[in-house]
Amino acid sequence: MRRHQRRESRRIEVSEFWPEITRFTAEWLGHALSTVGADRAAAEEAIGRLYGLLGKPPPEFVWIGSPGAVGEVLEPSLVTLGFDAKWPLASRIATLISDMRQGLDAYLSHLDLSEVDRAVLVPLRETVRTGVADRIRAELTTGYGLYWYGQQDADWVANYELCQQVLGVQYDHDDAERLLLLAQIVRSCGWWWPRDAVCVIAERPLALRTAEGKLHSDSGPALLYPDGWAVHCWHGARVPAWVIENPTVEAIAAESNIEVRRCAIEHLGWPNYIEQAGLRLIDRADDPGNPGCELRLYEDRPKWKTRILLAVNGSAERDGTRRWYGLRVPPWFDDPLEAAGWSYGLTAHQYSRLLRRT
């Protein structure tokens, strides 16, 4: 059983370490989003040493071109968390990592790391785990047992390393050794699936495109791997390839998912969509909440039982332009001002008295 001395709680002031924290976070974000080919020797060494900690010889390493290719090597499994009787070594590695994290947390328990978490852990988690790893996982429709994210485990690994290397926290020797191995894996490769005699490791992507911190590309895959496996995203939303490569009115009309339709229309452009779909203009009016701009109310396709209010964004984009956007509103509105007011929870009269909307 681990024993840790009880220590007085101490708050960490981020300002004391801000230059080092900024550098450290940027470095780990670079590892997490790297599109450089995997350092296979470093990844295999670190994983082999993890096997050694469990009394096992290094496995046979099988490299695949993307997470999507894992089904070419492993059989499907219903187990993704917890003990897996079919592949007990993966469960043992999970226990080893869990024990390590509990040990590291004990060394940090006397510190108030709230500001550090906001500066490091939260941004990395939102950008890398939520923004990238979750999109990849959603693309994998079949489970293949326990696995780890490799470079996209950067959020929690970086957090522990920062406390050690920047804040000067001294960890237990065994926990520090395990953390060192996991950090080497994050710096070296993509997703990995450890099994008793074999470990499957995915290459890092060839291309990873983002906009404002979210996976996004308006001309092709946001994520592209060496074997051609790809993930398409529109401002962080995972979408079918056609939304990015060939958004058409016909494809939009056939799509049942409202979020996918929204992304496709945004890519096509609301004015273009309305024109190409031949939607009938019901009425138009000056926008009192956005001086110099106009509100336009259109009929939508009958099966969706809505109408579309077309308006100009109240604030400029980064390039200085102000884009048109569409809002779906209930089908009983005939007045653009009433529809605009409804979207803000206001009456038409109240909306007409706005000085400026955002």
Protein backbone atom coordinates (compact mmCIF):
# COMPACT_ATOMS: atom_id res chain seq x y z
CA MET A 1 0.00 0.00 0.00
CA ARG A 2 1.27 3.46 -0.85
CA ARG A 3 1.94 5.83 2.04
CA HIS A 4 2.15 9.58 1.57
CA GLN A 5 2.90 12.17 4.18
CA ARG A 6 0.09 14.57 4.91
CA ARG A 7 1.15 18.00 3.65
CA GLU A 8 -0.35 21.43 4.04
CA SER A 9 -2.44 22.55 1.08
CA ARG A 10 -0.66 25.04 -1.13
CA ARG A 11 -2.07 27.12 -3.99
CA ILE A 12 0.01 27.31 -7.14
CA GLU A 13 0.14 30.79 -8.61
CA VAL A 14 0.28 30.39 -12.38
CA SER A 15 1.88 33.82 -12.83
CA GLU A 16 5.09 32.56 -11.20
CA PHE A 17 5.53 29.89 -13.86
CA TRP A 18 3.64 31.38 -16.82
CA PRO A 19 6.52 31.46 -19.37
CA GLU A 20 7.38 27.81 -18.64
CA ILE A 21 3.72 26.77 -18.66
CA THR A 22 3.12 28.48 -22.00
CA ARG A 23 6.15 26.82 -23.54
CA PHE A 24 5.26 23.44 -22.05
CA THR A 25 1.65 23.56 -23.27
CA ALA A 26 2.69 24.55 -26.79
CA GLU A 27 5.22 21.72 -26.88
CA TRP A 28 2.66 19.11 -25.87
CA LEU A 29 0.03 20.48 -28.22
CA GLY A 30 2.59 20.01 -30.96
CA HIS A 31 3.03 16.34 -30.00
CA ALA A 32 -0.74 15.84 -29.84
CA LEU A 33 -1.38 17.31 -33.30
CA SER A 34 1.81 16.09 -34.97
CA THR A 35 1.61 14.85 -38.57
CA VAL A 36 5.24 13.70 -38.66
CA GLY A 37 5.69 9.97 -39.19
CA ALA A 38 5.78 7.93 -35.99
CA ASP A 39 9.07 7.36 -34.20
CA ARG A 40 8.64 3.61 -34.32
CA ALA A 41 11.80 2.73 -32.42
CA ALA A 42 10.89 5.01 -29.50
CA ALA A 43 7.28 3.77 -29.37
CA GLU A 44 8.32 0.12 -29.45
CA GLU A 45 10.96 0.64 -26.77
CA ALA A 46 8.52 2.33 -24.37
CA ILE A 47 5.73 -0.19 -24.91
CA GLY A 48 8.20 -3.08 -24.61
CA ARG A 49 9.34 -1.71 -21.25
CA LEU A 50 5.70 -1.48 -20.08
CA TYR A 51 5.35 -5.17 -20.92
CA GLY A 52 8.54 -5.77 -18.94
CA LEU A 53 7.03 -4.12 -15.86
CA LEU A 54 4.37 -6.84 -16.02
CA GLY A 55 6.95 -9.62 -16.38
CA LYS A 56 6.26 -10.07 -20.09
CA PRO A 57 8.71 -10.09 -23.01
CA PRO A 58 8.31 -7.39 -25.69
CA PRO A 59 5.42 -8.22 -28.04
CA GLU A 60 5.45 -8.49 -31.80
CA PHE A 61 4.70 -5.00 -33.10
CA VAL A 62 2.23 -4.61 -35.94
CA TRP A 63 1.98 -1.11 -37.45
CA ILE A 64 -1.17 0.01 -39.25
CA GLY A 65 -1.80 3.09 -41.36
CA SER A 66 -4.68 4.46 -39.27
CA PRO A 67 -6.99 3.65 -36.35
CA GLY A 68 -9.55 2.60 -38.96
CA ALA A 69 -7.33 -0.31 -40.03
CA VAL A 70 -7.35 -2.07 -36.64
CA GLY A 71 -10.04 -4.46 -37.84
CA GLU A 72 -7.56 -5.89 -40.33
CA VAL A 73 -5.47 -7.19 -37.41
CA LEU A 74 -7.72 -7.66 -34.36
CA GLU A 75 -11.05 -9.36 -33.86
CA PRO A 76 -13.99 -7.26 -32.64
CA SER A 77 -14.69 -7.13 -28.92
CA LEU A 78 -17.63 -5.92 -26.88
CA VAL A 79 -15.28 -4.83 -24.08
CA THR A 80 -13.72 -1.36 -24.28
CA LEU A 81 -13.39 -0.61 -20.56
CA GLY A 82 -12.61 -2.77 -17.55
CA PHE A 83 -11.28 -6.34 -17.40
CA ASP A 84 -11.21 -8.20 -20.70
CA ALA A 85 -10.86 -11.97 -20.19
CA LYS A 86 -10.03 -12.43 -23.87
CA TRP A 87 -6.99 -10.13 -23.66
CA PRO A 88 -5.90 -10.07 -19.99
CA LEU A 89 -2.64 -8.21 -20.63
CA ALA A 90 -4.51 -5.14 -21.85
CA SER A 91 -6.47 -5.18 -18.60
CA ARG A 92 -3.22 -5.45 -16.63
CA ILE A 93 -1.80 -2.44 -18.45
CA ALA A 94 -5.00 -0.53 -17.68
CA THR A 95 -4.57 -1.40 -14.00
CA LEU A 96 -0.91 -0.38 -14.07
CA ILE A 97 -1.78 3.02 -15.55
CA SER A 98 -4.70 3.50 -13.14
CA ASP A 99 -2.45 2.71 -10.15
CA MET A 100 0.15 5.15 -11.47
CA ARG A 101 -2.40 7.93 -11.81
CA GLN A 102 -3.70 7.33 -8.29
CA GLY A 103 -0.14 7.52 -6.99
CA LEU A 104 0.60 10.75 -8.89
CA ASP A 105 -2.68 12.29 -7.73
CA ALA A 106 -1.70 11.56 -4.15
CA TYR A 107 1.50 13.58 -4.61
CA LEU A 108 -0.54 16.46 -6.02
CA SER A 109 -3.37 16.33 -3.50
CA HIS A 110 -1.86 19.06 -1.30
CA LEU A 111 -1.66 21.52 -4.18
CA ASP A 112 -4.41 23.79 -5.46
CA LEU A 113 -3.90 23.27 -9.20
CA SER A 114 -7.11 24.92 -10.39
CA GLU A 115 -5.30 27.64 -12.32
CA VAL A 116 -2.84 25.15 -13.80
CA ASP A 117 -5.72 22.93 -14.89
CA ARG A 118 -7.38 25.88 -16.63
CA ALA A 119 -4.11 26.81 -18.33
CA VAL A 120 -2.98 23.33 -19.41
CA LEU A 121 -5.34 20.42 -18.84
CA VAL A 122 -8.61 21.97 -20.02
CA PRO A 123 -7.28 23.50 -23.28
CA LEU A 124 -5.44 20.30 -24.20
CA ARG A 125 -8.46 18.16 -23.37
CA GLU A 126 -10.84 20.31 -25.41
CA THR A 127 -8.52 20.59 -28.40
CA VAL A 128 -7.05 17.10 -28.48
CA ARG A 129 -9.26 14.59 -26.69
CA THR A 130 -12.66 16.15 -27.37
CA GLY A 131 -11.74 17.83 -30.63
CA VAL A 132 -9.71 15.04 -32.27
CA ALA A 133 -9.79 11.70 -30.44
CA ASP A 134 -13.57 11.74 -29.95
CA ARG A 135 -14.06 12.41 -33.67
CA ILE A 136 -11.85 9.45 -34.57
CA ARG A 137 -13.63 7.21 -32.08
CA ALA A 138 -17.03 8.17 -33.51
CA GLU A 139 -15.80 7.07 -36.94
CA LEU A 140 -14.99 3.58 -35.60
CA THR A 141 -18.29 1.72 -35.60
CA THR A 142 -16.82 -1.52 -34.18
CA GLY A 143 -15.00 -1.97 -30.87
CA TYR A 144 -11.71 -3.87 -30.58
CA GLY A 145 -11.16 -4.00 -26.85
CA LEU A 146 -8.95 -1.85 -24.64
CA TYR A 147 -6.77 0.72 -26.36
CA TRP A 148 -4.97 4.02 -25.76
CA TYR A 149 -4.83 7.19 -27.82
CA GLY A 150 -1.06 7.62 -28.11
CA GLN A 151 -0.42 11.24 -29.08
CA GLN A 152 -3.98 12.17 -28.11
CA ASP A 153 -3.40 11.15 -24.50
CA ALA A 154 -1.35 14.33 -24.28
CA ASP A 155 -3.79 16.14 -21.97
CA TRP A 156 -3.36 14.09 -18.80
CA VAL A 157 0.23 12.99 -19.45
CA ALA A 158 1.30 16.61 -20.01
CA ASN A 159 -0.47 17.69 -16.83
CA TYR A 160 1.50 15.24 -14.69
CA GLU A 161 4.77 16.05 -16.45
CA LEU A 162 4.25 19.78 -16.00
CA CYS A 163 3.78 19.36 -12.26
CA GLN A 164 7.01 17.38 -12.14
CA GLN A 165 9.21 19.36 -14.53
CA VAL A 166 7.91 22.91 -14.07
CA LEU A 167 6.43 22.96 -10.57
CA GLY A 168 9.09 20.68 -9.09
CA VAL A 169 6.84 17.96 -7.63
CA GLN A 170 8.84 14.82 -6.77
CA TYR A 171 6.99 11.58 -7.59
CA ASP A 172 7.56 8.06 -6.33
CA HIS A 173 10.30 6.36 -8.41
CA ASP A 174 8.04 3.63 -9.86
CA ASP A 175 5.28 6.08 -10.78
CA ALA A 176 7.80 8.47 -12.33
CA GLU A 177 9.21 5.62 -14.44
CA ARG A 178 5.78 4.67 -15.75
CA LEU A 179 4.95 8.29 -16.52
CA LEU A 180 8.21 8.61 -18.45
CA LEU A 181 7.29 5.60 -20.61
CA LEU A 182 3.78 6.89 -21.30
CA ALA A 183 5.14 10.32 -22.19
CA GLN A 184 7.51 8.66 -24.65
CA ILE A 185 4.57 6.86 -26.27
CA VAL A 186 2.58 10.10 -26.58
CA ARG A 187 5.56 11.75 -28.25
CA SER A 188 6.08 8.85 -30.65
CA CYS A 189 2.92 7.35 -32.15
CA GLY A 190 -0.84 7.23 -32.61
CA TRP A 191 -3.43 4.86 -31.11
CA TRP A 192 -2.23 1.48 -29.74
CA TRP A 193 -3.86 -1.82 -28.77
CA PRO A 194 -1.68 -3.99 -26.46
CA ARG A 195 -2.34 -7.73 -26.45
CA ASP A 196 -0.56 -10.71 -24.91
CA ALA A 197 1.87 -11.45 -27.73
CA VAL A 198 1.22 -8.59 -30.14
CA CYS A 199 0.78 -4.83 -29.95
CA VAL A 200 -0.97 -2.99 -32.76
CA ILE A 201 0.12 0.63 -33.22
CA ALA A 202 -1.39 3.20 -35.59
CA GLU A 203 0.65 5.74 -37.50
CA ARG A 204 0.11 9.43 -36.89
CA PRO A 205 -2.00 11.31 -39.47
CA LEU A 206 -0.54 12.73 -42.66
CA ALA A 207 -2.72 15.81 -42.37
CA LEU A 208 -4.62 17.39 -39.49
CA ARG A 209 -6.46 20.60 -40.34
CA THR A 210 -8.11 22.91 -37.84
CA ALA A 211 -9.86 26.28 -37.66
CA GLU A 212 -10.19 28.16 -34.37
CA GLY A 213 -9.01 25.08 -32.48
CA LYS A 214 -11.52 22.67 -34.06
CA LEU A 215 -11.08 20.03 -36.74
CA HIS A 216 -12.14 21.67 -39.98
CA SER A 217 -11.48 21.63 -43.70
CA ASP A 218 -13.67 23.03 -46.46
CA SER A 219 -11.76 21.29 -49.27
CA GLY A 220 -11.06 17.73 -48.08
CA PRO A 221 -10.52 15.56 -44.99
CA ALA A 222 -9.76 17.31 -41.73
CA LEU A 223 -7.84 14.18 -40.74
CA LEU A 224 -6.03 12.07 -43.32
CA TYR A 225 -3.93 9.00 -42.54
CA PRO A 226 -1.20 7.31 -44.61
CA ASP A 227 -3.51 4.47 -45.69
CA GLY A 228 -6.15 6.91 -46.98
CA TRP A 229 -8.52 6.58 -44.01
CA ALA A 230 -10.05 9.98 -43.36
CA VAL A 231 -12.33 11.96 -41.09
CA HIS A 232 -14.25 14.95 -42.49
CA CYS A 233 -15.25 17.79 -40.18
CA TRP A 234 -16.97 21.15 -40.54
CA HIS A 235 -15.95 23.49 -37.69
CA GLY A 236 -15.58 20.54 -35.34
CA ALA A 237 -18.70 18.62 -36.40
CA ARG A 238 -18.04 15.21 -37.95
CA VAL A 239 -19.78 14.96 -41.33
CA PRO A 240 -19.96 12.61 -44.34
CA ALA A 241 -17.45 13.30 -47.10
CA TRP A 242 -20.08 14.73 -49.46
CA VAL A 243 -20.70 17.68 -47.12
CA ILE A 244 -17.14 18.86 -47.73
CA GLU A 245 -16.45 17.58 -51.22
CA ASN A 246 -19.78 18.00 -53.02
CA PRO A 247 -22.58 19.72 -51.07
CA THR A 248 -25.67 19.83 -53.28
CA VAL A 249 -29.30 20.76 -52.75
CA GLU A 250 -30.31 17.20 -53.68
CA ALA A 251 -27.97 15.63 -51.11
CA ILE A 252 -29.13 18.07 -48.45
CA ALA A 253 -32.78 17.24 -49.18
CA ALA A 254 -32.07 13.52 -48.81
CA GLU A 255 -30.18 13.90 -45.51
CA SER A 256 -32.14 13.00 -42.36
CA ASN A 257 -29.62 14.36 -39.82
CA ILE A 258 -30.40 18.01 -39.12
CA GLU A 259 -26.84 18.79 -37.96
CA VAL A 260 -25.35 17.34 -41.15
CA ARG A 261 -27.84 19.37 -43.21
CA ARG A 262 -26.85 22.53 -41.34
CA CYS A 263 -23.16 21.97 -42.02
CA ALA A 264 -23.77 21.24 -45.71
CA ILE A 265 -25.89 24.38 -46.13
CA GLU A 266 -23.27 26.50 -44.36
CA HIS A 267 -20.61 25.12 -46.70
CA LEU A 268 -22.77 25.79 -49.74
CA GLY A 269 -23.72 29.19 -48.30
CA TRP A 270 -27.23 30.08 -47.20
CA PRO A 271 -27.96 32.48 -50.08
CA ASN A 272 -26.69 29.91 -52.61
CA TYR A 273 -28.72 27.15 -50.99
CA ILE A 274 -31.93 29.19 -51.01
CA GLU A 275 -31.41 30.18 -54.64
CA GLN A 276 -30.53 26.67 -55.85
CA ALA A 277 -33.38 25.10 -53.86
CA GLY A 278 -35.82 27.60 -55.36
CA LEU A 279 -37.33 28.55 -52.01
CA ARG A 280 -40.10 31.15 -52.19
CA LEU A 281 -39.56 34.54 -50.53
CA ILE A 282 -42.46 35.29 -48.19
CA ASP A 283 -41.44 38.78 -47.04
CA ARG A 284 -38.45 40.99 -46.32
CA ALA A 285 -37.81 43.87 -43.92
CA ASP A 286 -35.04 46.15 -42.72
CA ASP A 287 -33.31 44.67 -39.68
CA PRO A 288 -33.64 47.14 -36.79
CA GLY A 289 -31.15 45.13 -34.73
CA ASN A 290 -28.56 45.32 -37.50
CA PRO A 291 -28.76 48.74 -39.22
CA GLY A 292 -28.18 48.69 -42.97
CA CYS A 293 -29.00 45.00 -43.25
CA GLU A 294 -32.12 43.07 -44.18
CA LEU A 295 -34.20 40.18 -42.87
CA ARG A 296 -35.70 37.76 -45.39
CA LEU A 297 -38.26 35.08 -44.62
CA TYR A 298 -38.52 32.06 -46.95
CA GLU A 299 -40.65 28.96 -47.22
CA ASP A 300 -38.69 25.81 -46.39
CA ARG A 301 -39.21 22.40 -47.92
CA PRO A 302 -42.68 21.13 -46.92
CA LYS A 303 -41.42 17.93 -45.26
CA TRP A 304 -39.41 19.92 -42.69
CA LYS A 305 -42.43 22.04 -41.65
CA THR A 306 -40.38 25.15 -40.94
CA ARG A 307 -39.54 28.48 -42.52
CA ILE A 308 -36.09 30.01 -42.96
CA LEU A 309 -35.17 33.44 -41.68
CA LEU A 310 -32.11 34.73 -43.55
CA ALA A 311 -30.14 37.41 -41.71
CA VAL A 312 -26.71 39.02 -41.68
CA ASN A 313 -24.42 38.25 -38.75
CA GLY A 314 -24.35 41.08 -36.23
CA SER A 315 -20.57 40.87 -35.78
CA ALA A 316 -17.80 40.70 -38.37
CA GLU A 317 -15.77 37.58 -39.09
CA ARG A 318 -12.00 37.59 -38.58
CA ASP A 319 -11.49 38.68 -42.19
CA GLY A 320 -13.84 41.65 -41.68
CA THR A 321 -16.77 40.23 -43.70
CA ARG A 322 -20.29 39.75 -42.35
CA ARG A 323 -21.83 36.50 -43.47
CA TRP A 324 -25.45 35.56 -44.14
CA TYR A 325 -26.86 32.83 -41.94
CA GLY A 326 -30.19 31.02 -41.81
CA LEU A 327 -32.43 30.22 -38.86
CA ARG A 328 -35.27 27.74 -39.04
CA VAL A 329 -38.40 29.18 -37.44
CA PRO A 330 -41.94 27.82 -36.95
CA PRO A 331 -44.09 27.70 -40.13
CA TRP A 332 -46.76 30.11 -38.84
CA PHE A 333 -44.54 33.19 -39.13
CA ASP A 334 -45.25 35.47 -42.11
CA ASP A 335 -43.47 38.55 -40.74
CA PRO A 336 -39.62 38.59 -40.69
CA LEU A 337 -39.64 40.86 -37.62
CA GLU A 338 -41.86 38.45 -35.70
CA ALA A 339 -39.60 35.54 -36.70
CA ALA A 340 -36.47 37.46 -35.66
CA GLY A 341 -38.04 38.46 -32.35
CA TRP A 342 -39.08 34.86 -31.68
CA SER A 343 -35.44 33.72 -32.09
CA TYR A 344 -34.49 36.07 -29.21
CA GLY A 345 -37.56 35.37 -27.09
CA LEU A 346 -39.02 38.79 -27.98
CA THR A 347 -42.10 40.14 -29.69
CA ALA A 348 -41.79 41.87 -33.06
CA HIS A 349 -42.32 45.21 -31.33
CA GLN A 350 -39.61 44.53 -28.77
CA TYR A 351 -37.18 43.39 -31.46
CA SER A 352 -37.90 46.51 -33.52
CA ARG A 353 -36.66 48.63 -30.61
CA LEU A 354 -33.25 46.93 -30.38
CA LEU A 355 -30.31 49.25 -30.85
CA ARG A 356 -27.96 46.48 -31.90
CA ARG A 357 -27.96 42.69 -31.81
CA THR A 358 -24.97 40.34 -31.81
